[in-house]
Amino acid sequence: MSETNNAAKVLFLPRLAELCGATGKGGPQWGAATDDLNLTVLTWSKEQGVARDVNNELDVVWIGVEGTAWVQVDDQQYTLEEGSLIVIPRGAARSLRCVSDQCSYLSMHRKRHGLSIENRLV
């Protein structure tokens, strides 16, 4: 019987909040990609964020890590804060605006063709 070593594929980040603001500027702070997933931590200052966009390819999960942001999905507004999660279905219009001094969240989605995430593991 062959034994597969999956240890190289395990990604464990016990302190996700430590990645927030790591670059000193808004936008992506950390990224990782597996064979199936793209993961990115994004940080924004107050009034910064993501302009309205429609992703027709796949569903996206955003998990709040710190601070507070308003997320608009189609005609509904949601509050994304530490520990909250929002699943944004493909085809939905979405935007995000940071309403605290700083906000950060983890974005996860199935790997997209043509999108390259640089692995920046800590």
PDB file of N, CA and C in Angstrom:
ATOM      1  N   MET A   1       0.825  -1.180   0.000  1.00  0.00           N
ATOM      2  CA  MET A   1       0.000   0.000   0.000  1.00  0.00           C
ATOM      3  C   MET A   1       0.872   1.248   0.000  1.00  0.00           C
ATOM      4  N   SER A   2       0.503   2.190  -0.802  1.00  0.00           N
ATOM      5  CA  SER A   2       1.239   3.447  -0.880  1.00  0.00           C
ATOM      6  C   SER A   2       0.674   4.441   0.125  1.00  0.00           C
ATOM      7  N   GLU A   3       1.558   5.174   0.791  1.00  0.00           N
ATOM      8  CA  GLU A   3       1.110   6.175   1.760  1.00  0.00           C
ATOM      9  C   GLU A   3       1.399   7.562   1.215  1.00  0.00           C
ATOM     10  N   THR A   4       0.394   8.396   1.160  1.00  0.00           N
ATOM     11  CA  THR A   4       0.563   9.751   0.652  1.00  0.00           C
ATOM     12  C   THR A   4       0.890  10.686   1.791  1.00  0.00           C
ATOM     13  N   ASN A   5       1.914  11.495   1.609  1.00  0.00           N
ATOM     14  CA  ASN A   5       2.291  12.468   2.622  1.00  0.00           C
ATOM     15  C   ASN A   5       1.605  13.786   2.295  1.00  0.00           C
ATOM     16  N   ASN A   6       0.572  14.138   3.031  1.00  0.00           N
ATOM     17  CA  ASN A   6      -0.164  15.378   2.819  1.00  0.00           C
ATOM     18  C   ASN A   6       0.365  16.525   3.658  1.00  0.00           C
ATOM     19  N   ALA A   7       1.412  16.281   4.440  1.00  0.00           N
ATOM     20  CA  ALA A   7       1.914  17.315   5.349  1.00  0.00           C
ATOM     21  C   ALA A   7       2.339  18.574   4.601  1.00  0.00           C
ATOM     22  N   ALA A   8       2.893  18.431   3.416  1.00  0.00           N
ATOM     23  CA  ALA A   8       3.340  19.603   2.662  1.00  0.00           C
ATOM     24  C   ALA A   8       2.176  20.470   2.216  1.00  0.00           C
ATOM     25  N   LYS A   9       0.962  19.941   2.209  1.00  0.00           N
ATOM     26  CA  LYS A   9      -0.203  20.685   1.758  1.00  0.00           C
ATOM     27  C   LYS A   9      -0.968  21.341   2.900  1.00  0.00           C
ATOM     28  N   VAL A  10      -0.561  21.106   4.128  1.00  0.00           N
ATOM     29  CA  VAL A  10      -1.258  21.674   5.284  1.00  0.00           C
ATOM     30  C   VAL A  10      -0.823  23.119   5.462  1.00  0.00           C
ATOM     31  N   LEU A  11      -1.785  23.998   5.601  1.00  0.00           N
ATOM     32  CA  LEU A  11      -1.518  25.415   5.856  1.00  0.00           C
ATOM     33  C   LEU A  11      -2.164  25.748   7.190  1.00  0.00           C
ATOM     34  N   PHE A  12      -1.357  26.114   8.168  1.00  0.00           N
ATOM     35  CA  PHE A  12      -1.862  26.426   9.500  1.00  0.00           C
ATOM     36  C   PHE A  12      -1.365  27.795   9.906  1.00  0.00           C
ATOM     37  N   LEU A  13      -2.295  28.716  10.138  1.00  0.00           N
ATOM     38  CA  LEU A  13      -1.956  30.073  10.568  1.00  0.00           C
ATOM     39  C   LEU A  13      -2.675  30.349  11.884  1.00  0.00           C
ATOM     40  N   PRO A  14      -1.997  30.169  13.010  1.00  0.00           N
ATOM     41  CA  PRO A  14      -2.674  30.328  14.300  1.00  0.00           C
ATOM     42  C   PRO A  14      -3.027  31.771  14.631  1.00  0.00           C
ATOM     43  N   ARG A  15      -2.374  32.738  14.017  1.00  0.00           N
ATOM     44  CA  ARG A  15      -2.621  34.154  14.332  1.00  0.00           C
ATOM     45  C   ARG A  15      -2.827  34.939  13.035  1.00  0.00           C
ATOM     46  N   LEU A  16      -3.954  34.719  12.419  1.00  0.00           N
ATOM     47  CA  LEU A  16      -4.273  35.351  11.151  1.00  0.00           C
ATOM     48  C   LEU A  16      -4.202  36.872  11.237  1.00  0.00           C
ATOM     49  N   ALA A  17      -4.592  37.437  12.379  1.00  0.00           N
ATOM     50  CA  ALA A  17      -4.597  38.892  12.555  1.00  0.00           C
ATOM     51  C   ALA A  17      -3.202  39.503  12.422  1.00  0.00           C
ATOM     52  N   GLU A  18      -2.143  38.718  12.669  1.00  0.00           N
ATOM     53  CA  GLU A  18      -0.786  39.245  12.551  1.00  0.00           C
ATOM     54  C   GLU A  18      -0.413  39.564  11.102  1.00  0.00           C
ATOM     55  N   LEU A  19      -1.163  39.040  10.146  1.00  0.00           N
ATOM     56  CA  LEU A  19      -0.890  39.315   8.735  1.00  0.00           C
ATOM     57  C   LEU A  19      -1.511  40.629   8.283  1.00  0.00           C
ATOM     58  N   CYS A  20      -2.434  41.168   9.058  1.00  0.00           N
ATOM     59  CA  CYS A  20      -3.143  42.390   8.683  1.00  0.00           C
ATOM     60  C   CYS A  20      -2.196  43.582   8.724  1.00  0.00           C
ATOM     61  N   GLY A  21      -2.194  44.352   7.672  1.00  0.00           N
ATOM     62  CA  GLY A  21      -1.340  45.537   7.618  1.00  0.00           C
ATOM     63  C   GLY A  21       0.131  45.234   7.450  1.00  0.00           C
ATOM     64  N   ALA A  22       0.467  44.004   7.078  1.00  0.00           N
ATOM     65  CA  ALA A  22       1.868  43.596   6.984  1.00  0.00           C
ATOM     66  C   ALA A  22       2.649  44.392   5.949  1.00  0.00           C
ATOM     67  N   THR A  23       1.991  44.836   4.878  1.00  0.00           N
ATOM     68  CA  THR A  23       2.709  45.553   3.819  1.00  0.00           C
ATOM     69  C   THR A  23       2.788  47.049   4.084  1.00  0.00           C
ATOM     70  N   GLY A  24       2.008  47.548   5.034  1.00  0.00           N
ATOM     71  CA  GLY A  24       1.998  48.976   5.324  1.00  0.00           C
ATOM     72  C   GLY A  24       1.164  49.793   4.363  1.00  0.00           C
ATOM     73  N   LYS A  25       0.463  49.128   3.447  1.00  0.00           N
ATOM     74  CA  LYS A  25      -0.423  49.831   2.524  1.00  0.00           C
ATOM     75  C   LYS A  25      -1.700  49.020   2.336  1.00  0.00           C
ATOM     76  N   GLY A  26      -2.711  49.626   1.751  1.00  0.00           N
ATOM     77  CA  GLY A  26      -3.985  48.951   1.557  1.00  0.00           C
ATOM     78  C   GLY A  26      -3.926  47.901   0.470  1.00  0.00           C
ATOM     79  N   GLY A  27      -4.817  46.925   0.586  1.00  0.00           N
ATOM     80  CA  GLY A  27      -4.909  45.860  -0.406  1.00  0.00           C
ATOM     81  C   GLY A  27      -4.375  44.549   0.126  1.00  0.00           C
ATOM     82  N   PRO A  28      -3.922  43.676  -0.780  1.00  0.00           N
ATOM     83  CA  PRO A  28      -3.442  42.357  -0.357  1.00  0.00           C
ATOM     84  C   PRO A  28      -2.242  42.445   0.577  1.00  0.00           C
ATOM     85  N   GLN A  29      -2.298  41.668   1.661  1.00  0.00           N
ATOM     86  CA  GLN A  29      -1.229  41.627   2.654  1.00  0.00           C
ATOM     87  C   GLN A  29      -0.504  40.294   2.641  1.00  0.00           C
ATOM     88  N   TRP A  30      -1.214  39.252   2.274  1.00  0.00           N
ATOM     89  CA  TRP A  30      -0.690  37.892   2.306  1.00  0.00           C
ATOM     90  C   TRP A  30      -1.511  37.067   1.337  1.00  0.00           C
ATOM     91  N   GLY A  31      -0.886  36.096   0.698  1.00  0.00           N
ATOM     92  CA  GLY A  31      -1.618  35.221  -0.197  1.00  0.00           C
ATOM     93  C   GLY A  31      -1.033  33.836  -0.219  1.00  0.00           C
ATOM     94  N   ALA A  32      -1.880  32.870  -0.505  1.00  0.00           N
ATOM     95  CA  ALA A  32      -1.445  31.494  -0.659  1.00  0.00           C
ATOM     96  C   ALA A  32      -2.382  30.812  -1.645  1.00  0.00           C
ATOM     97  N   ALA A  33      -1.845  29.842  -2.342  1.00  0.00           N
ATOM     98  CA  ALA A  33      -2.635  29.078  -3.287  1.00  0.00           C
ATOM     99  C   ALA A  33      -2.340  27.594  -3.099  1.00  0.00           C
ATOM    100  N   THR A  34      -3.378  26.791  -3.179  1.00  0.00           N
ATOM    101  CA  THR A  34      -3.235  25.344  -3.201  1.00  0.00           C
ATOM    102  C   THR A  34      -3.637  24.889  -4.603  1.00  0.00           C
ATOM    103  N   ASP A  35      -3.709  23.603  -4.795  1.00  0.00           N
ATOM    104  CA  ASP A  35      -4.162  23.102  -6.095  1.00  0.00           C
ATOM    105  C   ASP A  35      -5.596  23.536  -6.390  1.00  0.00           C
ATOM    106  N   ASP A  36      -6.402  23.759  -5.339  1.00  0.00           N
ATOM    107  CA  ASP A  36      -7.820  24.041  -5.520  1.00  0.00           C
ATOM    108  C   ASP A  36      -8.265  25.425  -5.067  1.00  0.00           C
ATOM    109  N   LEU A  37      -7.508  26.073  -4.161  1.00  0.00           N
ATOM    110  CA  LEU A  37      -7.983  27.306  -3.529  1.00  0.00           C
ATOM    111  C   LEU A  37      -7.000  28.464  -3.678  1.00  0.00           C
ATOM    112  N   ASN A  38      -7.559  29.665  -3.694  1.00  0.00           N
ATOM    113  CA  ASN A  38      -6.786  30.897  -3.538  1.00  0.00           C
ATOM    114  C   ASN A  38      -7.226  31.545  -2.231  1.00  0.00           C
ATOM    115  N   LEU A  39      -6.256  31.982  -1.432  1.00  0.00           N
ATOM    116  CA  LEU A  39      -6.525  32.646  -0.162  1.00  0.00           C
ATOM    117  C   LEU A  39      -5.751  33.955  -0.125  1.00  0.00           C
ATOM    118  N   THR A  40      -6.404  35.025   0.305  1.00  0.00           N
ATOM    119  CA  THR A  40      -5.756  36.329   0.380  1.00  0.00           C
ATOM    120  C   THR A  40      -6.253  37.068   1.607  1.00  0.00           C
ATOM    121  N   VAL A  41      -5.346  37.672   2.379  1.00  0.00           N
ATOM    122  CA  VAL A  41      -5.717  38.591   3.444  1.00  0.00           C
ATOM    123  C   VAL A  41      -5.582  39.997   2.874  1.00  0.00           C
ATOM    124  N   LEU A  42      -6.659  40.785   2.988  1.00  0.00           N
ATOM    125  CA  LEU A  42      -6.673  42.159   2.506  1.00  0.00           C
ATOM    126  C   LEU A  42      -6.923  43.098   3.662  1.00  0.00           C
ATOM    127  N   THR A  43      -6.272  44.259   3.640  1.00  0.00           N
ATOM    128  CA  THR A  43      -6.426  45.272   4.678  1.00  0.00           C
ATOM    129  C   THR A  43      -6.699  46.611   4.014  1.00  0.00           C
ATOM    130  N   TRP A  44      -7.641  47.363   4.586  1.00  0.00           N
ATOM    131  CA  TRP A  44      -7.987  48.687   4.069  1.00  0.00           C
ATOM    132  C   TRP A  44      -8.054  49.686   5.214  1.00  0.00           C
ATOM    133  N   SER A  45      -7.728  50.931   4.939  1.00  0.00           N
ATOM    134  CA  SER A  45      -7.915  52.025   5.892  1.00  0.00           C
ATOM    135  C   SER A  45      -9.327  52.566   5.732  1.00  0.00           C
ATOM    136  N   LYS A  46      -9.743  53.389   6.682  1.00  0.00           N
ATOM    137  CA  LYS A  46     -11.083  53.969   6.660  1.00  0.00           C
ATOM    138  C   LYS A  46     -11.380  54.603   5.303  1.00  0.00           C
ATOM    139  N   GLU A  47     -12.562  54.312   4.799  1.00  0.00           N
ATOM    140  CA  GLU A  47     -13.092  54.804   3.513  1.00  0.00           C
ATOM    141  C   GLU A  47     -12.445  54.153   2.295  1.00  0.00           C
ATOM    142  N   GLN A  48     -11.490  53.248   2.471  1.00  0.00           N
ATOM    143  CA  GLN A  48     -10.930  52.490   1.351  1.00  0.00           C
ATOM    144  C   GLN A  48     -11.701  51.192   1.192  1.00  0.00           C
ATOM    145  N   GLY A  49     -11.441  50.485   0.103  1.00  0.00           N
ATOM    146  CA  GLY A  49     -12.068  49.191  -0.059  1.00  0.00           C
ATOM    147  C   GLY A  49     -12.054  48.695  -1.487  1.00  0.00           C
ATOM    148  N   VAL A  50     -13.094  47.956  -1.828  1.00  0.00           N
ATOM    149  CA  VAL A  50     -13.221  47.303  -3.118  1.00  0.00           C
ATOM    150  C   VAL A  50     -14.384  47.936  -3.868  1.00  0.00           C
ATOM    151  N   ALA A  51     -14.109  48.446  -5.068  1.00  0.00           N
ATOM    152  CA  ALA A  51     -15.161  49.048  -5.886  1.00  0.00           C
ATOM    153  C   ALA A  51     -16.156  47.979  -6.358  1.00  0.00           C
ATOM    154  N   ARG A  52     -17.342  48.409  -6.665  1.00  0.00           N
ATOM    155  CA  ARG A  52     -18.399  47.506  -7.145  1.00  0.00           C
ATOM    156  C   ARG A  52     -17.877  46.679  -8.320  1.00  0.00           C
ATOM    157  N   ASP A  53     -18.113  45.372  -8.225  1.00  0.00           N
ATOM    158  CA  ASP A  53     -17.611  44.431  -9.209  1.00  0.00           C
ATOM    159  C   ASP A  53     -18.555  43.247  -9.279  1.00  0.00           C
ATOM    160  N   VAL A  54     -18.613  42.597 -10.411  1.00  0.00           N
ATOM    161  CA  VAL A  54     -19.390  41.370 -10.553  1.00  0.00           C
ATOM    162  C   VAL A  54     -18.429  40.260 -10.941  1.00  0.00           C
ATOM    163  N   ASN A  55     -18.437  39.187 -10.161  1.00  0.00           N
ATOM    164  CA  ASN A  55     -17.619  38.013 -10.443  1.00  0.00           C
ATOM    165  C   ASN A  55     -18.566  36.938 -10.966  1.00  0.00           C
ATOM    166  N   ASN A  56     -18.508  36.661 -12.245  1.00  0.00           N
ATOM    167  CA  ASN A  56     -19.404  35.678 -12.849  1.00  0.00           C
ATOM    168  C   ASN A  56     -18.850  34.260 -12.838  1.00  0.00           C
ATOM    169  N   GLU A  57     -17.624  34.087 -12.290  1.00  0.00           N
ATOM    170  CA  GLU A  57     -16.976  32.781 -12.355  1.00  0.00           C
ATOM    171  C   GLU A  57     -17.213  31.872 -11.153  1.00  0.00           C
ATOM    172  N   LEU A  58     -17.221  32.432  -9.938  1.00  0.00           N
ATOM    173  CA  LEU A  58     -17.252  31.563  -8.763  1.00  0.00           C
ATOM    174  C   LEU A  58     -17.752  32.290  -7.522  1.00  0.00           C
ATOM    175  N   ASP A  59     -18.153  31.505  -6.536  1.00  0.00           N
ATOM    176  CA  ASP A  59     -18.543  32.042  -5.236  1.00  0.00           C
ATOM    177  C   ASP A  59     -17.280  32.445  -4.481  1.00  0.00           C
ATOM    178  N   VAL A  60     -17.414  33.449  -3.605  1.00  0.00           N
ATOM    179  CA  VAL A  60     -16.291  33.933  -2.806  1.00  0.00           C
ATOM    180  C   VAL A  60     -16.722  34.000  -1.346  1.00  0.00           C
ATOM    181  N   VAL A  61     -15.823  33.627  -0.439  1.00  0.00           N
ATOM    182  CA  VAL A  61     -16.061  33.717   0.999  1.00  0.00           C
ATOM    183  C   VAL A  61     -15.147  34.789   1.562  1.00  0.00           C
ATOM    184  N   TRP A  62     -15.726  35.734   2.316  1.00  0.00           N
ATOM    185  CA  TRP A  62     -14.943  36.732   3.053  1.00  0.00           C
ATOM    186  C   TRP A  62     -15.173  36.503   4.536  1.00  0.00           C
ATOM    187  N   ILE A  63     -14.080  36.415   5.305  1.00  0.00           N
ATOM    188  CA  ILE A  63     -14.155  36.242   6.761  1.00  0.00           C
ATOM    189  C   ILE A  63     -13.475  37.442   7.407  1.00  0.00           C
ATOM    190  N   GLY A  64     -14.216  38.165   8.244  1.00  0.00           N
ATOM    191  CA  GLY A  64     -13.668  39.328   8.934  1.00  0.00           C
ATOM    192  C   GLY A  64     -12.594  38.931   9.922  1.00  0.00           C
ATOM    193  N   VAL A  65     -11.465  39.655   9.879  1.00  0.00           N
ATOM    194  CA  VAL A  65     -10.347  39.376  10.788  1.00  0.00           C
ATOM    195  C   VAL A  65     -10.204  40.495  11.811  1.00  0.00           C
ATOM    196  N   GLU A  66     -10.348  41.751  11.370  1.00  0.00           N
ATOM    197  CA  GLU A  66     -10.278  42.872  12.316  1.00  0.00           C
ATOM    198  C   GLU A  66     -11.038  44.060  11.738  1.00  0.00           C
ATOM    199  N   GLY A  67     -11.495  44.942  12.609  1.00  0.00           N
ATOM    200  CA  GLY A  67     -12.188  46.149  12.173  1.00  0.00           C
ATOM    201  C   GLY A  67     -13.567  45.860  11.611  1.00  0.00           C
ATOM    202  N   THR A  68     -14.140  46.874  10.961  1.00  0.00           N
ATOM    203  CA  THR A  68     -15.498  46.773  10.432  1.00  0.00           C
ATOM    204  C   THR A  68     -15.552  47.334   9.025  1.00  0.00           C
ATOM    205  N   ALA A  69     -16.270  46.627   8.173  1.00  0.00           N
ATOM    206  CA  ALA A  69     -16.483  47.079   6.794  1.00  0.00           C
ATOM    207  C   ALA A  69     -17.944  46.880   6.437  1.00  0.00           C
ATOM    208  N   TRP A  70     -18.421  47.719   5.535  1.00  0.00           N
ATOM    209  CA  TRP A  70     -19.753  47.518   4.964  1.00  0.00           C
ATOM    210  C   TRP A  70     -19.566  46.829   3.633  1.00  0.00           C
ATOM    211  N   VAL A  71     -20.293  45.751   3.450  1.00  0.00           N
ATOM    212  CA  VAL A  71     -20.251  44.987   2.213  1.00  0.00           C
ATOM    213  C   VAL A  71     -21.611  45.114   1.542  1.00  0.00           C
ATOM    214  N   GLN A  72     -21.601  45.522   0.312  1.00  0.00           N
ATOM    215  CA  GLN A  72     -22.827  45.620  -0.475  1.00  0.00           C
ATOM    216  C   GLN A  72     -22.847  44.441  -1.442  1.00  0.00           C
ATOM    217  N   VAL A  73     -23.889  43.635  -1.383  1.00  0.00           N
ATOM    218  CA  VAL A  73     -24.081  42.530  -2.317  1.00  0.00           C
ATOM    219  C   VAL A  73     -25.428  42.755  -2.978  1.00  0.00           C
ATOM    220  N   ASP A  74     -25.389  43.042  -4.280  1.00  0.00           N
ATOM    221  CA  ASP A  74     -26.575  43.459  -5.011  1.00  0.00           C
ATOM    222  C   ASP A  74     -27.215  44.626  -4.258  1.00  0.00           C
ATOM    223  N   ASP A  75     -28.427  44.490  -3.764  1.00  0.00           N
ATOM    224  CA  ASP A  75     -29.107  45.600  -3.097  1.00  0.00           C
ATOM    225  C   ASP A  75     -29.097  45.502  -1.568  1.00  0.00           C
ATOM    226  N   GLN A  76     -28.355  44.551  -1.023  1.00  0.00           N
ATOM    227  CA  GLN A  76     -28.310  44.335   0.427  1.00  0.00           C
ATOM    228  C   GLN A  76     -26.971  44.801   1.001  1.00  0.00           C
ATOM    229  N   GLN A  77     -27.022  45.422   2.182  1.00  0.00           N
ATOM    230  CA  GLN A  77     -25.792  45.812   2.868  1.00  0.00           C
ATOM    231  C   GLN A  77     -25.589  44.926   4.092  1.00  0.00           C
ATOM    232  N   TYR A  78     -24.343  44.498   4.302  1.00  0.00           N
ATOM    233  CA  TYR A  78     -23.970  43.644   5.431  1.00  0.00           C
ATOM    234  C   TYR A  78     -22.789  44.272   6.155  1.00  0.00           C
ATOM    235  N   THR A  79     -22.661  43.970   7.435  1.00  0.00           N
ATOM    236  CA  THR A  79     -21.515  44.415   8.219  1.00  0.00           C
ATOM    237  C   THR A  79     -20.569  43.247   8.375  1.00  0.00           C
ATOM    238  N   LEU A  80     -19.333  43.437   7.911  1.00  0.00           N
ATOM    239  CA  LEU A  80     -18.303  42.415   8.048  1.00  0.00           C
ATOM    240  C   LEU A  80     -17.363  42.866   9.153  1.00  0.00           C
ATOM    241  N   GLU A  81     -17.256  42.067  10.208  1.00  0.00           N
ATOM    242  CA  GLU A  81     -16.382  42.391  11.329  1.00  0.00           C
ATOM    243  C   GLU A  81     -15.700  41.124  11.807  1.00  0.00           C
ATOM    244  N   GLU A  82     -14.803  41.268  12.763  1.00  0.00           N
ATOM    245  CA  GLU A  82     -14.035  40.127  13.249  1.00  0.00           C
ATOM    246  C   GLU A  82     -14.946  38.945  13.560  1.00  0.00           C
ATOM    247  N   GLY A  83     -14.644  37.803  12.939  1.00  0.00           N
ATOM    248  CA  GLY A  83     -15.382  36.581  13.205  1.00  0.00           C
ATOM    249  C   GLY A  83     -16.621  36.382  12.351  1.00  0.00           C
ATOM    250  N   SER A  84     -17.021  37.387  11.576  1.00  0.00           N
ATOM    251  CA  SER A  84     -18.203  37.195  10.728  1.00  0.00           C
ATOM    252  C   SER A  84     -17.770  36.686   9.356  1.00  0.00           C
ATOM    253  N   LEU A  85     -18.712  36.090   8.654  1.00  0.00           N
ATOM    254  CA  LEU A  85     -18.429  35.466   7.374  1.00  0.00           C
ATOM    255  C   LEU A  85     -19.535  35.814   6.402  1.00  0.00           C
ATOM    256  N   ILE A  86     -19.182  36.073   5.159  1.00  0.00           N
ATOM    257  CA  ILE A  86     -20.174  36.306   4.125  1.00  0.00           C
ATOM    258  C   ILE A  86     -19.786  35.481   2.903  1.00  0.00           C
ATOM    259  N   VAL A  87     -20.761  34.796   2.325  1.00  0.00           N
ATOM    260  CA  VAL A  87     -20.569  34.060   1.085  1.00  0.00           C
ATOM    261  C   VAL A  87     -21.221  34.888  -0.016  1.00  0.00           C
ATOM    262  N   ILE A  88     -20.427  35.288  -0.990  1.00  0.00           N
ATOM    263  CA  ILE A  88     -20.911  36.111  -2.088  1.00  0.00           C
ATOM    264  C   ILE A  88     -21.063  35.204  -3.310  1.00  0.00           C
ATOM    265  N   PRO A  89     -22.300  34.991  -3.749  1.00  0.00           N
ATOM    266  CA  PRO A  89     -22.503  34.072  -4.873  1.00  0.00           C
ATOM    267  C   PRO A  89     -22.012  34.656  -6.196  1.00  0.00           C
ATOM    268  N   ARG A  90     -21.563  33.798  -7.064  1.00  0.00           N
ATOM    269  CA  ARG A  90     -21.133  34.257  -8.386  1.00  0.00           C
ATOM    270  C   ARG A  90     -22.295  34.967  -9.071  1.00  0.00           C
ATOM    271  N   GLY A  91     -21.950  35.992  -9.818  1.00  0.00           N
ATOM    272  CA  GLY A  91     -22.963  36.761 -10.523  1.00  0.00           C
ATOM    273  C   GLY A  91     -23.535  37.916  -9.727  1.00  0.00           C
ATOM    274  N   ALA A  92     -23.201  38.003  -8.429  1.00  0.00           N
ATOM    275  CA  ALA A  92     -23.710  39.095  -7.592  1.00  0.00           C
ATOM    276  C   ALA A  92     -22.768  40.297  -7.684  1.00  0.00           C
ATOM    277  N   ALA A  93     -23.350  41.490  -7.710  1.00  0.00           N
ATOM    278  CA  ALA A  93     -22.545  42.712  -7.640  1.00  0.00           C
ATOM    279  C   ALA A  93     -22.120  42.892  -6.192  1.00  0.00           C
ATOM    280  N   ARG A  94     -20.858  43.224  -5.976  1.00  0.00           N
ATOM    281  CA  ARG A  94     -20.360  43.359  -4.608  1.00  0.00           C
ATOM    282  C   ARG A  94     -19.390  44.517  -4.511  1.00  0.00           C
ATOM    283  N   SER A  95     -19.328  45.103  -3.324  1.00  0.00           N
ATOM    284  CA  SER A  95     -18.351  46.145  -3.014  1.00  0.00           C
ATOM    285  C   SER A  95     -18.097  46.099  -1.517  1.00  0.00           C
ATOM    286  N   LEU A  96     -16.996  46.727  -1.095  1.00  0.00           N
ATOM    287  CA  LEU A  96     -16.640  46.754   0.323  1.00  0.00           C
ATOM    288  C   LEU A  96     -16.061  48.121   0.638  1.00  0.00           C
ATOM    289  N   ARG A  97     -16.465  48.667   1.801  1.00  0.00           N
ATOM    290  CA  ARG A  97     -15.908  49.937   2.270  1.00  0.00           C
ATOM    291  C   ARG A  97     -15.588  49.811   3.744  1.00  0.00           C
ATOM    292  N   CYS A  98     -14.339  50.097   4.102  1.00  0.00           N
ATOM    293  CA  CYS A  98     -13.897  50.052   5.496  1.00  0.00           C
ATOM    294  C   CYS A  98     -14.514  51.234   6.246  1.00  0.00           C
ATOM    295  N   VAL A  99     -15.141  50.968   7.391  1.00  0.00           N
ATOM    296  CA  VAL A  99     -15.765  52.036   8.176  1.00  0.00           C
ATOM    297  C   VAL A  99     -15.096  52.226   9.541  1.00  0.00           C
ATOM    298  N   SER A 100     -14.105  51.400   9.870  1.00  0.00           N
ATOM    299  CA  SER A 100     -13.302  51.610  11.082  1.00  0.00           C
ATOM    300  C   SER A 100     -11.947  52.164  10.639  1.00  0.00           C
ATOM    301  N   ASP A 101     -11.065  52.463  11.576  1.00  0.00           N
ATOM    302  CA  ASP A 101      -9.758  52.997  11.208  1.00  0.00           C
ATOM    303  C   ASP A 101      -9.018  52.067  10.248  1.00  0.00           C
ATOM    304  N   GLN A 102      -9.166  50.761  10.477  1.00  0.00           N
ATOM    305  CA  GLN A 102      -8.582  49.749   9.596  1.00  0.00           C
ATOM    306  C   GLN A 102      -9.453  48.518   9.655  1.00  0.00           C
ATOM    307  N   CYS A 103      -9.590  47.835   8.539  1.00  0.00           N
ATOM    308  CA  CYS A 103     -10.314  46.567   8.539  1.00  0.00           C
ATOM    309  C   CYS A 103      -9.546  45.574   7.674  1.00  0.00           C
ATOM    310  N   SER A 104      -9.661  44.306   8.038  1.00  0.00           N
ATOM    311  CA  SER A 104      -8.978  43.237   7.316  1.00  0.00           C
ATOM    312  C   SER A 104      -9.896  42.036   7.236  1.00  0.00           C
ATOM    313  N   TYR A 105      -9.745  41.288   6.144  1.00  0.00           N
ATOM    314  CA  TYR A 105     -10.538  40.080   5.980  1.00  0.00           C
ATOM    315  C   TYR A 105      -9.776  39.073   5.142  1.00  0.00           C
ATOM    316  N   LEU A 106     -10.160  37.819   5.287  1.00  0.00           N
ATOM    317  CA  LEU A 106      -9.602  36.734   4.502  1.00  0.00           C
ATOM    318  C   LEU A 106     -10.578  36.444   3.376  1.00  0.00           C
ATOM    319  N   SER A 107     -10.094  36.465   2.143  1.00  0.00           N
ATOM    320  CA  SER A 107     -10.893  36.121   0.972  1.00  0.00           C
ATOM    321  C   SER A 107     -10.480  34.732   0.507  1.00  0.00           C
ATOM    322  N   MET A 108     -11.474  33.861   0.280  1.00  0.00           N
ATOM    323  CA  MET A 108     -11.203  32.498  -0.177  1.00  0.00           C
ATOM    324  C   MET A 108     -12.128  32.162  -1.332  1.00  0.00           C
ATOM    325  N   HIS A 109     -11.564  31.511  -2.334  1.00  0.00           N
ATOM    326  CA  HIS A 109     -12.383  31.014  -3.435  1.00  0.00           C
ATOM    327  C   HIS A 109     -11.642  29.913  -4.171  1.00  0.00           C
ATOM    328  N   ARG A 110     -12.415  29.167  -4.943  1.00  0.00           N
ATOM    329  CA  ARG A 110     -11.826  28.125  -5.761  1.00  0.00           C
ATOM    330  C   ARG A 110     -10.822  28.775  -6.715  1.00  0.00           C
ATOM    331  N   LYS A 111      -9.771  28.095  -7.006  1.00  0.00           N
ATOM    332  CA  LYS A 111      -8.733  28.631  -7.892  1.00  0.00           C
ATOM    333  C   LYS A 111      -9.348  28.994  -9.237  1.00  0.00           C
ATOM    334  N   ARG A 112      -8.989  30.182  -9.701  1.00  0.00           N
ATOM    335  CA  ARG A 112      -9.467  30.695 -10.986  1.00  0.00           C
ATOM    336  C   ARG A 112      -8.399  30.541 -12.041  1.00  0.00           C
ATOM    337  N   HIS A 113      -8.776  30.200 -13.236  1.00  0.00           N
ATOM    338  CA  HIS A 113      -7.828  30.149 -14.341  1.00  0.00           C
ATOM    339  C   HIS A 113      -7.381  31.566 -14.664  1.00  0.00           C
ATOM    340  N   GLY A 114      -6.089  31.755 -14.856  1.00  0.00           N
ATOM    341  CA  GLY A 114      -5.560  33.063 -15.213  1.00  0.00           C
ATOM    342  C   GLY A 114      -5.229  33.949 -14.024  1.00  0.00           C
ATOM    343  N   LEU A 115      -5.650  33.581 -12.802  1.00  0.00           N
ATOM    344  CA  LEU A 115      -5.339  34.369 -11.614  1.00  0.00           C
ATOM    345  C   LEU A 115      -4.167  33.697 -10.912  1.00  0.00           C
ATOM    346  N   SER A 116      -3.114  34.435 -10.698  1.00  0.00           N
ATOM    347  CA  SER A 116      -1.921  33.886 -10.059  1.00  0.00           C
ATOM    348  C   SER A 116      -1.736  34.517  -8.690  1.00  0.00           C
ATOM    349  N   ILE A 117      -1.760  33.710  -7.648  1.00  0.00           N
ATOM    350  CA  ILE A 117      -1.524  34.166  -6.283  1.00  0.00           C
ATOM    351  C   ILE A 117      -0.117  33.748  -5.891  1.00  0.00           C
ATOM    352  N   GLU A 118       0.670  34.704  -5.516  1.00  0.00           N
ATOM    353  CA  GLU A 118       2.024  34.418  -5.053  1.00  0.00           C
ATOM    354  C   GLU A 118       1.943  33.892  -3.629  1.00  0.00           C
ATOM    355  N   ASN A 119       2.499  32.717  -3.378  1.00  0.00           N
ATOM    356  CA  ASN A 119       2.520  32.188  -2.023  1.00  0.00           C
ATOM    357  C   ASN A 119       3.482  33.007  -1.187  1.00  0.00           C
ATOM    358  N   ARG A 120       2.935  33.608  -0.139  1.00  0.00           N
ATOM    359  CA  ARG A 120       3.745  34.396   0.792  1.00  0.00           C
ATOM    360  C   ARG A 120       3.500  33.842   2.194  1.00  0.00           C
ATOM    361  N   LEU A 121       3.969  32.660   2.416  1.00  0.00           N
ATOM    362  CA  LEU A 121       3.744  32.005   3.695  1.00  0.00           C
ATOM    363  C   LEU A 121       4.695  32.563   4.738  1.00  0.00           C
ATOM    364  N   VAL A 122       4.169  32.768   5.943  1.00  0.00           N
ATOM    365  CA  VAL A 122       4.952  33.321   7.034  1.00  0.00           C
ATOM    366  C   VAL A 122       5.642  32.195   7.773  1.00  0.00           C
TER     367      VAL A 122
END
